[in-house]
Amino acid sequence: MQPNPYQGYYQQPMQVPTGIPAKGGVNVPGMLPIEESYIENILRLNKGKLVSIHSTFEHNKEWNAKIFNGIIEAAGRDHVILSDPQTGKRTLLPMIYVDFITFSEPIEYEYPFGAGPLASAPPR
């Protein structure tokens, strides 16, 4: 039997990084680190705003392309939930069908390293 060369040594558990810290090494609430600037996070920042989601559905003869209008209720990695302000109807739309999204007002989007919020310019 061979002796264990690591016997008596303490091995510290490996820590997995949770993201790029903001300026000064501190995570700032509400800021989107570069690797977290995904559509669902941008939609979450704009919860409560009226949007039009342009979608296409392959191999669907009834409606290949459709526009969903509504207020952003919630967004996840693979879905967005809209509510129609006139009817109260809610739509759960898988992100796989989302082509692009248009907003009826400026978009909230935070730069990741303390540069402050960036809102799209209002239409002229």
Protein backbone atom coordinates (compact mmCIF):
# COMPACT_ATOMS: atom_id res chain seq x y z
CA MET A 1 0.00 0.00 0.00
CA GLN A 2 1.38 3.41 -1.02
CA PRO A 3 1.24 6.41 1.31
CA ASN A 4 -1.25 9.19 0.42
CA PRO A 5 0.80 12.33 -0.47
CA TYR A 6 -2.21 14.62 0.27
CA GLN A 7 -2.89 13.25 3.74
CA GLY A 8 -3.02 16.01 6.33
CA TYR A 9 -3.61 18.80 3.78
CA TYR A 10 -6.78 20.86 3.80
CA GLN A 11 -8.26 21.49 0.38
CA GLN A 12 -10.35 24.65 0.13
CA PRO A 13 -13.54 24.24 -1.92
CA MET A 14 -13.45 25.94 -5.30
CA GLN A 15 -15.64 29.04 -5.54
CA VAL A 16 -17.54 29.66 -8.76
CA PRO A 17 -17.69 33.31 -9.84
CA THR A 18 -21.24 34.73 -9.88
CA GLY A 19 -20.59 37.48 -12.42
CA ILE A 20 -18.39 40.43 -13.21
CA PRO A 21 -18.46 42.86 -10.31
CA ALA A 22 -19.30 46.45 -11.15
CA LYS A 23 -16.83 49.33 -10.87
CA GLY A 24 -14.92 49.14 -7.60
CA GLY A 25 -15.56 45.40 -7.20
CA VAL A 26 -19.12 45.84 -5.92
CA ASN A 27 -22.24 44.46 -7.61
CA VAL A 28 -24.74 47.29 -8.04
CA PRO A 29 -28.43 46.33 -7.76
CA GLY A 30 -30.31 46.94 -11.00
CA MET A 31 -27.18 46.96 -13.15
CA LEU A 32 -26.79 44.34 -15.86
CA PRO A 33 -23.32 42.77 -16.03
CA ILE A 34 -22.22 42.16 -19.62
CA GLU A 35 -22.90 38.43 -19.51
CA GLU A 36 -26.41 39.09 -18.15
CA SER A 37 -27.55 41.50 -20.88
CA TYR A 38 -30.09 39.04 -22.24
CA ILE A 39 -33.50 39.83 -23.70
CA GLU A 40 -35.36 38.51 -20.65
CA ASN A 41 -33.40 40.83 -18.34
CA ILE A 42 -34.10 43.82 -20.57
CA LEU A 43 -37.79 42.87 -20.60
CA ARG A 44 -37.75 42.63 -16.78
CA LEU A 45 -36.30 46.15 -16.58
CA ASN A 46 -39.23 47.30 -18.72
CA LYS A 47 -42.00 45.44 -16.87
CA GLY A 48 -45.30 47.32 -17.11
CA LYS A 49 -44.55 48.89 -20.51
CA LEU A 50 -46.64 48.45 -23.64
CA VAL A 51 -44.87 46.43 -26.36
CA SER A 52 -45.48 44.75 -29.69
CA ILE A 53 -43.83 41.35 -30.07
CA HIS A 54 -43.33 40.29 -33.68
CA SER A 55 -43.34 36.51 -34.03
CA THR A 56 -43.17 33.87 -36.74
CA PHE A 57 -44.32 30.29 -36.54
CA GLU A 58 -42.82 27.84 -39.04
CA HIS A 59 -45.10 25.41 -40.85
CA ASN A 60 -48.25 27.15 -39.60
CA LYS A 61 -50.57 27.80 -42.53
CA GLU A 62 -53.19 29.53 -40.40
CA TRP A 63 -50.92 32.33 -39.13
CA ASN A 64 -47.25 32.22 -40.03
CA ALA A 65 -46.53 35.69 -38.65
CA LYS A 66 -48.32 37.43 -35.81
CA ILE A 67 -47.92 40.56 -33.70
CA PHE A 68 -48.76 40.31 -29.99
CA ASN A 69 -49.54 43.64 -28.30
CA GLY A 70 -49.66 44.03 -24.55
CA ILE A 71 -48.06 45.09 -21.32
CA ILE A 72 -45.03 43.14 -20.09
CA GLU A 73 -46.16 41.21 -17.01
CA ALA A 74 -43.10 38.95 -16.61
CA ALA A 75 -40.20 37.48 -18.55
CA GLY A 76 -38.10 34.37 -18.10
CA ARG A 77 -35.21 32.81 -19.95
CA ASP A 78 -37.56 31.07 -22.40
CA HIS A 79 -40.82 33.03 -22.26
CA VAL A 80 -42.54 36.40 -21.92
CA ILE A 81 -46.00 37.08 -20.48
CA LEU A 82 -48.09 39.93 -21.90
CA SER A 83 -51.46 41.25 -20.77
CA ASP A 84 -53.90 43.04 -23.04
CA PRO A 85 -54.97 46.25 -21.25
CA GLN A 86 -58.41 46.27 -22.95
CA THR A 87 -59.44 42.64 -22.43
CA GLY A 88 -57.23 41.54 -19.52
CA LYS A 89 -56.25 38.49 -21.60
CA ARG A 90 -52.76 37.19 -20.87
CA THR A 91 -50.45 35.58 -23.41
CA LEU A 92 -47.51 33.32 -22.56
CA LEU A 93 -45.19 33.46 -25.55
CA PRO A 94 -42.12 31.19 -25.82
CA MET A 95 -39.00 33.22 -26.71
CA ILE A 96 -38.25 30.81 -29.55
CA TYR A 97 -41.03 32.52 -31.54
CA VAL A 98 -39.92 36.11 -30.80
CA ASP A 99 -38.34 37.84 -33.80
CA PHE A 100 -38.18 41.35 -32.38
CA ILE A 101 -39.92 43.64 -29.91
CA THR A 102 -41.01 47.26 -30.37
CA PHE A 103 -41.71 49.60 -27.47
CA SER A 104 -44.14 52.52 -27.45
CA GLU A 105 -41.90 54.48 -25.06
CA PRO A 106 -38.19 54.76 -24.15
CA ILE A 107 -36.48 51.49 -23.16
CA GLU A 108 -34.87 51.12 -19.74
CA TYR A 109 -31.41 49.62 -20.06
CA GLU A 110 -28.60 49.99 -17.52
CA TYR A 111 -24.95 50.03 -18.45
CA PRO A 112 -23.04 47.44 -16.43
CA PHE A 113 -20.23 49.51 -14.87
CA GLY A 114 -21.81 52.49 -13.16
CA ALA A 115 -22.32 54.64 -16.26
CA GLY A 116 -25.98 55.12 -15.31
CA PRO A 117 -29.18 54.25 -17.09
CA LEU A 118 -29.42 54.42 -20.84
CA ALA A 119 -32.86 55.15 -22.18
CA SER A 120 -33.56 55.17 -25.87
CA ALA A 121 -34.29 58.59 -27.25
CA PRO A 122 -37.96 59.44 -27.72
CA PRO A 123 -39.17 59.49 -31.34
CA ARG A 124 -38.92 62.83 -33.14
